[in-house]
Amino acid sequence: MAKHNSSPAPRISLNAPVGLTEGDVQTLEPHESREGERFDGGDLTDVDLSGAAFLECDLDGVTLTDTGLRGARFVDSQITSPFATSLVAARSIWRRVRVENARWGSAELFDAEFESVILSGGKIDFLNFRGAKLTDVLIENAQITELDLASFIGTRVAIRNCRIDTIDFTRATCLDVDLRETTFVRVLGIQGMRGTILGQEQLADFAPIMASQLGIRVE
């Protein structure tokens, strides 16, 4: 048991936003900073919010399909039940944020920065963290069809109780990326898994995948 807990866990410290005023998503503008507001529902489909900042905000049930969130910032905030057939948030910054029950088709978060973030529950078809930097991040209780971690840098990342079909680690840099409490079917870029943590049972299941990618015949 001690061995199971020996690796550094994500160091996450979150405070739920309090004392919020009611905000209206229809008033949001690109490159605008909003602080201490609660946005309850609303549809931001195709709205350009590039470079916008949400500081100590609560977004609940907001539709974000093709919302332009490139370079946006989410800090000390909570996001609940966000829906998007396509989340467009490349190079966005997320610090001390909790996201619950996301329903995303394609989540384009490449080159993003996540620090002290919990992504809990939900269903995501394609989670694209290509080239992203994740530090102290927990992904839990989610169903993910494809998780793209190619060229990402992950430090103290834990993926727990998730069902993932395909993970891509091509050219990834991992430092204590804990996969012990999740299941996955297919792995790409196995050489990029250096620095990940697997459980004993997972290792047995993983052996055929490893052999196939390394060109090893098992007879």
Protein backbone atom coordinates (compact mmCIF):
# COMPACT_ATOMS: atom_id res chain seq x y z
CA MET A 1 0.00 0.00 0.00
CA ALA A 2 2.82 2.37 0.81
CA LYS A 3 4.27 1.72 -2.62
CA HIS A 4 0.97 2.73 -4.24
CA ASN A 5 1.11 6.12 -2.55
CA SER A 6 4.83 6.73 -3.08
CA SER A 7 4.56 8.87 -6.20
CA PRO A 8 3.84 12.60 -5.95
CA ALA A 9 0.12 13.28 -6.32
CA PRO A 10 -1.20 16.43 -7.98
CA ARG A 11 -0.91 19.40 -5.64
CA ILE A 12 -4.30 20.99 -6.11
CA SER A 13 -5.75 23.79 -4.05
CA LEU A 14 -9.13 25.15 -5.11
CA ASN A 15 -11.53 27.65 -3.60
CA ALA A 16 -15.09 27.81 -4.91
CA PRO A 17 -16.00 31.33 -6.02
CA VAL A 18 -18.25 33.08 -3.47
CA GLY A 19 -20.15 36.36 -3.26
CA LEU A 20 -20.80 36.39 -6.99
CA THR A 21 -22.97 38.80 -8.92
CA GLU A 22 -25.23 37.55 -11.71
CA GLY A 23 -23.71 37.93 -15.16
CA ASP A 24 -25.16 37.66 -18.66
CA VAL A 25 -23.18 35.74 -21.28
CA GLN A 26 -24.65 37.96 -23.98
CA THR A 27 -22.60 40.88 -22.63
CA LEU A 28 -19.22 39.12 -22.91
CA GLU A 29 -16.62 40.61 -25.23
CA PRO A 30 -13.24 39.40 -26.52
CA HIS A 31 -10.14 40.50 -24.58
CA GLU A 32 -12.37 41.54 -21.67
CA SER A 33 -11.78 40.62 -18.03
CA ARG A 34 -14.77 39.57 -15.90
CA GLU A 35 -14.41 38.98 -12.19
CA GLY A 36 -16.68 37.60 -9.48
CA GLU A 37 -19.64 36.78 -11.75
CA ARG A 38 -21.93 33.79 -12.12
CA PHE A 39 -23.16 32.86 -15.58
CA ASP A 40 -26.13 30.51 -15.38
CA GLY A 41 -26.84 28.94 -18.76
CA GLY A 42 -26.71 30.73 -22.06
CA ASP A 43 -25.50 29.97 -25.56
CA LEU A 44 -22.14 31.30 -26.77
CA THR A 45 -22.09 29.36 -30.04
CA ASP A 46 -19.78 31.04 -32.58
CA VAL A 47 -19.14 34.01 -30.26
CA ASP A 48 -15.59 35.40 -30.37
CA LEU A 49 -14.15 35.60 -26.85
CA SER A 50 -10.48 35.40 -27.79
CA GLY A 51 -8.26 36.59 -24.98
CA ALA A 52 -11.14 36.96 -22.51
CA ALA A 53 -10.45 36.40 -18.80
CA PHE A 54 -12.75 34.82 -16.21
CA LEU A 55 -11.46 35.49 -12.69
CA GLU A 56 -13.28 33.94 -9.72
CA CYS A 57 -16.27 33.14 -11.91
CA ASP A 58 -18.85 30.35 -12.01
CA LEU A 59 -20.08 29.14 -15.40
CA ASP A 60 -22.97 26.69 -15.13
CA GLY A 61 -24.53 24.95 -18.13
CA VAL A 62 -23.09 27.32 -20.72
CA THR A 63 -22.95 26.16 -24.36
CA LEU A 64 -19.50 26.76 -25.85
CA THR A 65 -19.78 25.27 -29.34
CA ASP A 66 -17.20 26.95 -31.59
CA THR A 67 -16.87 29.79 -29.10
CA GLY A 68 -13.57 31.55 -29.84
CA LEU A 69 -11.64 30.96 -26.62
CA ARG A 70 -8.12 31.09 -28.05
CA GLY A 71 -5.83 32.62 -25.47
CA ALA A 72 -8.64 32.92 -22.91
CA ARG A 73 -7.88 32.68 -19.18
CA PHE A 74 -9.83 30.89 -16.46
CA VAL A 75 -8.51 31.56 -12.95
CA ASP A 76 -9.94 30.55 -9.55
CA SER A 77 -13.16 29.54 -11.29
CA GLN A 78 -15.66 26.70 -11.52
CA ILE A 79 -17.24 25.40 -14.73
CA THR A 80 -20.17 22.99 -14.46
CA SER A 81 -21.83 20.97 -17.26
CA PRO A 82 -20.25 22.87 -20.16
CA PHE A 83 -21.45 21.64 -23.57
CA ALA A 84 -19.65 21.98 -26.88
CA THR A 85 -19.65 19.92 -30.03
CA SER A 86 -16.34 21.67 -30.70
CA LEU A 87 -14.45 23.52 -27.97
CA VAL A 88 -11.98 25.98 -29.51
CA ALA A 89 -9.56 26.98 -26.73
CA ALA A 90 -6.03 26.63 -28.04
CA ARG A 91 -3.35 28.43 -25.99
CA SER A 92 -5.84 29.08 -23.20
CA ILE A 93 -4.71 29.27 -19.56
CA TRP A 94 -6.49 27.45 -16.70
CA ARG A 95 -5.31 27.98 -13.12
CA ARG A 96 -7.04 26.67 -10.00
CA VAL A 97 -10.13 25.61 -11.92
CA ARG A 98 -12.64 22.80 -11.45
CA VAL A 99 -14.55 21.53 -14.50
CA GLU A 100 -17.41 19.13 -13.83
CA ASN A 101 -19.36 16.91 -16.24
CA ALA A 102 -18.06 18.36 -19.47
CA ARG A 103 -19.85 17.18 -22.61
CA TRP A 104 -17.41 17.97 -25.37
CA GLY A 105 -17.13 16.49 -28.83
CA SER A 106 -13.77 17.83 -29.91
CA ALA A 107 -11.91 19.80 -27.21
CA GLU A 108 -9.09 21.70 -28.88
CA LEU A 109 -6.79 22.59 -25.98
CA PHE A 110 -3.47 22.29 -27.76
CA ASP A 111 -0.68 24.53 -26.45
CA ALA A 112 -2.84 25.32 -23.40
CA GLU A 113 -1.53 25.67 -19.84
CA PHE A 114 -3.31 23.86 -17.00
CA GLU A 115 -2.14 24.35 -13.41
CA SER A 116 -3.97 23.04 -10.34
CA VAL A 117 -7.01 21.87 -12.31
CA ILE A 118 -9.59 19.13 -11.76
CA LEU A 119 -11.50 17.77 -14.75
CA SER A 120 -14.18 15.55 -13.21
CA GLY A 121 -16.82 13.41 -14.89
CA GLY A 122 -18.36 13.86 -18.31
CA LYS A 123 -17.85 12.46 -21.78
CA ILE A 124 -15.30 13.77 -24.27
CA ASP A 125 -14.83 12.31 -27.73
CA PHE A 126 -11.48 13.96 -28.52
CA LEU A 127 -9.42 15.71 -25.84
CA ASN A 128 -6.53 17.44 -27.56
CA PHE A 129 -3.71 18.42 -25.20
CA ARG A 130 -1.08 18.31 -27.95
CA GLY A 131 1.80 20.58 -26.96
CA ALA A 132 0.01 21.60 -23.77
CA LYS A 133 1.64 22.01 -20.35
CA LEU A 134 -0.19 20.31 -17.48
CA THR A 135 1.03 20.76 -13.91
CA ASP A 136 -0.85 19.37 -10.89
CA VAL A 137 -3.86 18.16 -12.87
CA LEU A 138 -6.44 15.49 -11.98
CA ILE A 139 -8.68 13.93 -14.64
CA GLU A 140 -11.22 11.63 -13.02
CA ASN A 141 -14.40 9.63 -13.65
CA ALA A 142 -14.55 10.56 -17.33
CA GLN A 143 -15.15 8.69 -20.56
CA ILE A 144 -12.71 9.79 -23.25
CA THR A 145 -12.58 8.29 -26.72
CA GLU A 146 -9.22 9.77 -27.72
CA LEU A 147 -6.72 11.59 -25.51
CA ASP A 148 -3.96 13.33 -27.45
CA LEU A 149 -0.92 14.00 -25.25
CA ALA A 150 1.58 14.24 -28.10
CA SER A 151 4.38 16.68 -27.29
CA PHE A 152 2.71 17.66 -24.03
CA ILE A 153 4.61 18.28 -20.79
CA GLY A 154 2.92 16.66 -17.79
CA THR A 155 4.05 17.07 -14.19
CA ARG A 156 2.13 15.43 -11.35
CA VAL A 157 -0.83 14.47 -13.52
CA ALA A 158 -3.24 11.75 -12.35
CA ILE A 159 -5.86 10.09 -14.54
CA ARG A 160 -8.19 8.14 -12.28
CA ASN A 161 -11.20 5.93 -12.91
CA CYS A 162 -11.41 6.92 -16.57
CA ARG A 163 -12.24 4.82 -19.62
CA ILE A 164 -10.02 5.87 -22.53
CA ASP A 165 -9.99 4.17 -25.91
CA THR A 166 -6.79 5.68 -27.35
CA ILE A 167 -3.94 7.67 -25.78
CA ASP A 168 -1.18 9.26 -27.87
CA PHE A 169 2.12 9.86 -26.04
CA THR A 170 4.19 10.70 -29.13
CA ARG A 171 7.15 12.90 -28.05
CA ALA A 172 5.48 13.52 -24.67
CA THR A 173 7.46 14.57 -21.60
CA CYS A 174 6.06 12.93 -18.46
CA LEU A 175 7.06 13.41 -14.84
CA ASP A 176 4.84 11.43 -12.49
CA VAL A 177 1.90 10.91 -14.84
CA ASP A 178 -0.19 8.37 -12.93
CA LEU A 179 -2.35 6.01 -15.01
CA ARG A 180 -2.83 3.31 -12.38
CA GLU A 181 -6.54 3.76 -11.79
CA THR A 182 -7.72 4.06 -15.37
CA THR A 183 -8.22 1.76 -18.35
CA PHE A 184 -7.21 2.23 -21.95
CA VAL A 185 -7.36 0.12 -25.08
CA ARG A 186 -4.78 1.54 -27.48
CA VAL A 187 -1.56 3.49 -26.95
CA LEU A 188 0.41 5.42 -29.54
CA GLY A 189 3.94 6.75 -29.10
CA ILE A 190 4.92 4.29 -26.42
CA GLN A 191 8.43 5.77 -26.21
CA GLY A 192 6.89 8.95 -24.79
CA MET A 193 5.53 7.04 -21.79
CA ARG A 194 8.79 7.32 -19.86
CA GLY A 195 7.82 8.90 -16.54
CA THR A 196 4.31 7.43 -16.39
CA ILE A 197 3.14 5.09 -13.62
CA LEU A 198 1.27 1.83 -14.24
CA GLY A 199 -0.12 -0.74 -11.82
CA GLN A 200 0.88 -4.39 -11.80
CA GLU A 201 -2.39 -5.57 -13.34
CA GLN A 202 -2.22 -2.90 -16.02
CA LEU A 203 1.28 -3.99 -16.94
CA ALA A 204 0.06 -7.48 -17.79
CA ASP A 205 -2.68 -6.03 -20.00
CA PHE A 206 -0.23 -3.59 -21.52
CA ALA A 207 2.35 -6.19 -22.56
CA PRO A 208 0.71 -7.06 -25.94
CA ILE A 209 0.45 -3.35 -26.82
CA MET A 210 4.10 -2.83 -25.97
CA ALA A 211 5.21 -5.88 -27.90
CA SER A 212 3.24 -4.83 -30.98
CA GLN A 213 4.69 -1.31 -31.07
CA LEU A 214 8.23 -2.52 -30.46
CA GLY A 215 7.94 -5.16 -33.16
CA ILE A 216 8.25 -8.07 -30.71
CA ARG A 217 6.72 -11.39 -31.69
CA VAL A 218 5.23 -13.42 -28.87
CA GLU A 219 4.75 -17.10 -29.75
